[in-house]
């Protein structure tokens, strides 16, 4: 899992095949970013990933939150979240 900061987008790399995927609209901003690599306090760098979307009353995505759970010790936390301030946003719901 590569993270930029709690206020910026994220990408992930599959531990099995090495394939990279961007989360939500992250690919649009990746080139200008300086991503870091997520690491659990236990030293592990392999996580199960969950993505949550906060929707406004009109159904538009307003926030994207990425949570990680360490595969080694089970520690979990929020590793990235960012505000979405444009529309339409329906396409983001399938980009995890």
C-alpha atoms as a PDB file:
ATOM      1  CA  UNK A   1       0.000   0.000   0.000  1.00  0.00           C
ATOM      2  CA  UNK A   2       1.379   3.375  -0.960  1.00  0.00           C
ATOM      3  CA  UNK A   3       0.019   6.386   0.819  1.00  0.00           C
ATOM      4  CA  UNK A   4       0.693  10.031   0.327  1.00  0.00           C
ATOM      5  CA  UNK A   5      -0.826  11.615   3.411  1.00  0.00           C
ATOM      6  CA  UNK A   6      -4.105  11.634   5.244  1.00  0.00           C
ATOM      7  CA  UNK A   7      -5.246  14.379   2.895  1.00  0.00           C
ATOM      8  CA  UNK A   8      -4.168  12.886  -0.418  1.00  0.00           C
ATOM      9  CA  UNK A   9      -4.877   9.865  -2.659  1.00  0.00           C
ATOM     10  CA  UNK A  10      -3.555   6.304  -2.449  1.00  0.00           C
ATOM     11  CA  UNK A  11      -2.590   3.289  -4.535  1.00  0.00           C
ATOM     12  CA  UNK A  12      -2.055  -0.361  -3.719  1.00  0.00           C
ATOM     13  CA  UNK A  13       0.100  -3.223  -4.936  1.00  0.00           C
ATOM     14  CA  UNK A  14      -1.160  -6.811  -4.780  1.00  0.00           C
ATOM     15  CA  UNK A  15       1.073  -8.974  -2.549  1.00  0.00           C
ATOM     16  CA  UNK A  16       0.264 -11.997  -4.742  1.00  0.00           C
ATOM     17  CA  UNK A  17       0.784 -10.756  -8.292  1.00  0.00           C
ATOM     18  CA  UNK A  18       2.480  -7.379  -7.867  1.00  0.00           C
ATOM     19  CA  UNK A  19      -0.224  -5.572  -9.850  1.00  0.00           C
ATOM     20  CA  UNK A  20      -0.800  -1.886  -9.043  1.00  0.00           C
ATOM     21  CA  UNK A  21      -4.225  -0.291  -8.655  1.00  0.00           C
ATOM     22  CA  UNK A  22      -5.187   3.245  -7.763  1.00  0.00           C
ATOM     23  CA  UNK A  23      -7.989   3.975  -5.318  1.00  0.00           C
ATOM     24  CA  UNK A  24     -10.823   6.259  -6.499  1.00  0.00           C
ATOM     25  CA  UNK A  25      -9.371   9.283  -8.332  1.00  0.00           C
ATOM     26  CA  UNK A  26      -5.789   8.784  -7.110  1.00  0.00           C
ATOM     27  CA  UNK A  27      -4.284   8.122 -10.521  1.00  0.00           C
ATOM     28  CA  UNK A  28      -5.105  11.690 -11.592  1.00  0.00           C
ATOM     29  CA  UNK A  29      -2.885  13.114  -8.835  1.00  0.00           C
ATOM     30  CA  UNK A  30      -0.213  10.409  -8.487  1.00  0.00           C
ATOM     31  CA  UNK A  31       2.412  11.913 -10.784  1.00  0.00           C
ATOM     32  CA  UNK A  32       2.658  15.109  -8.717  1.00  0.00           C
ATOM     33  CA  UNK A  33       2.635  13.284  -5.377  1.00  0.00           C
ATOM     34  CA  UNK A  34       5.382  12.023  -3.113  1.00  0.00           C
ATOM     35  CA  UNK A  35       3.886   8.750  -1.840  1.00  0.00           C
ATOM     36  CA  UNK A  36       5.160   6.912   1.186  1.00  0.00           C
ATOM     37  CA  UNK A  37       4.780   3.236   1.978  1.00  0.00           C
ATOM     38  CA  UNK A  38       2.464   2.065   4.739  1.00  0.00           C
ATOM     39  CA  UNK A  39       4.097   0.012   7.477  1.00  0.00           C
ATOM     40  CA  UNK A  40       2.563  -1.542  10.580  1.00  0.00           C
ATOM     41  CA  UNK A  41       4.287  -0.947  13.935  1.00  0.00           C
ATOM     42  CA  UNK A  42       5.086  -4.701  13.893  1.00  0.00           C
ATOM     43  CA  UNK A  43       7.160  -4.140  10.732  1.00  0.00           C
ATOM     44  CA  UNK A  44       4.816  -5.818   8.260  1.00  0.00           C
ATOM     45  CA  UNK A  45       3.994  -4.143   4.952  1.00  0.00           C
ATOM     46  CA  UNK A  46       1.141  -6.468   3.922  1.00  0.00           C
ATOM     47  CA  UNK A  47      -2.402  -5.309   4.600  1.00  0.00           C
ATOM     48  CA  UNK A  48      -6.017  -6.078   3.866  1.00  0.00           C
ATOM     49  CA  UNK A  49      -7.537  -2.916   2.409  1.00  0.00           C
ATOM     50  CA  UNK A  50     -10.997  -1.411   2.874  1.00  0.00           C
ATOM     51  CA  UNK A  51     -12.326   1.692   1.132  1.00  0.00           C
ATOM     52  CA  UNK A  52     -15.230   3.743   2.491  1.00  0.00           C
ATOM     53  CA  UNK A  53     -17.144   6.490   0.724  1.00  0.00           C
ATOM     54  CA  UNK A  54     -19.022   9.262   2.512  1.00  0.00           C
ATOM     55  CA  UNK A  55     -21.968  10.407   0.424  1.00  0.00           C
ATOM     56  CA  UNK A  56     -23.793  13.728   0.528  1.00  0.00           C
ATOM     57  CA  UNK A  57     -27.608  13.852   0.659  1.00  0.00           C
ATOM     58  CA  UNK A  58     -27.631  14.108  -3.156  1.00  0.00           C
ATOM     59  CA  UNK A  59     -25.675  10.830  -3.480  1.00  0.00           C
ATOM     60  CA  UNK A  60     -22.390  12.415  -4.568  1.00  0.00           C
ATOM     61  CA  UNK A  61     -19.179  11.092  -3.037  1.00  0.00           C
ATOM     62  CA  UNK A  62     -17.715  13.724  -0.716  1.00  0.00           C
ATOM     63  CA  UNK A  63     -14.933  11.796   1.111  1.00  0.00           C
ATOM     64  CA  UNK A  64     -12.856   8.697   0.400  1.00  0.00           C
ATOM     65  CA  UNK A  65     -11.303   6.877   3.358  1.00  0.00           C
ATOM     66  CA  UNK A  66      -8.807   4.004   3.152  1.00  0.00           C
ATOM     67  CA  UNK A  67      -8.437   1.644   6.086  1.00  0.00           C
ATOM     68  CA  UNK A  68      -5.772  -1.038   6.409  1.00  0.00           C
ATOM     69  CA  UNK A  69      -5.593  -4.158   8.573  1.00  0.00           C
ATOM     70  CA  UNK A  70      -2.186  -5.746   9.082  1.00  0.00           C
ATOM     71  CA  UNK A  71      -2.113  -9.349   7.895  1.00  0.00           C
ATOM     72  CA  UNK A  72       0.482 -10.239  10.519  1.00  0.00           C
ATOM     73  CA  UNK A  73      -0.909  -8.846  13.791  1.00  0.00           C
ATOM     74  CA  UNK A  74      -4.391  -7.577  12.884  1.00  0.00           C
ATOM     75  CA  UNK A  75      -3.740  -3.938  13.795  1.00  0.00           C
ATOM     76  CA  UNK A  76      -6.126  -1.661  11.904  1.00  0.00           C
ATOM     77  CA  UNK A  77      -6.316   2.037  11.172  1.00  0.00           C
ATOM     78  CA  UNK A  78      -7.143   4.776   8.703  1.00  0.00           C
ATOM     79  CA  UNK A  79      -4.149   5.371   6.454  1.00  0.00           C
ATOM     80  CA  UNK A  80      -5.553   7.912   4.002  1.00  0.00           C
ATOM     81  CA  UNK A  81      -8.603  10.081   3.474  1.00  0.00           C
ATOM     82  CA  UNK A  82      -9.402  12.933   1.153  1.00  0.00           C
ATOM     83  CA  UNK A  83     -12.243  15.235   0.176  1.00  0.00           C
ATOM     84  CA  UNK A  84     -13.931  15.055  -3.206  1.00  0.00           C
ATOM     85  CA  UNK A  85     -15.147  18.481  -4.309  1.00  0.00           C
ATOM     86  CA  UNK A  86     -16.403  17.849  -7.826  1.00  0.00           C
ATOM     87  CA  UNK A  87     -19.176  15.956  -9.563  1.00  0.00           C
ATOM     88  CA  UNK A  88     -20.359  13.696 -10.917  1.00  0.00           C
ATOM     89  CA  UNK A  89     -18.711  11.096  -8.678  1.00  0.00           C
ATOM     90  CA  UNK A  90     -20.540   7.816  -9.324  1.00  0.00           C
ATOM     91  CA  UNK A  91     -17.520   6.353 -11.135  1.00  0.00           C
ATOM     92  CA  UNK A  92     -15.449   6.524  -7.928  1.00  0.00           C
ATOM     93  CA  UNK A  93     -17.616   3.857  -6.271  1.00  0.00           C
ATOM     94  CA  UNK A  94     -16.171   1.200  -8.583  1.00  0.00           C
ATOM     95  CA  UNK A  95     -12.552   2.379  -8.471  1.00  0.00           C
ATOM     96  CA  UNK A  96     -11.201   0.508  -5.467  1.00  0.00           C
END
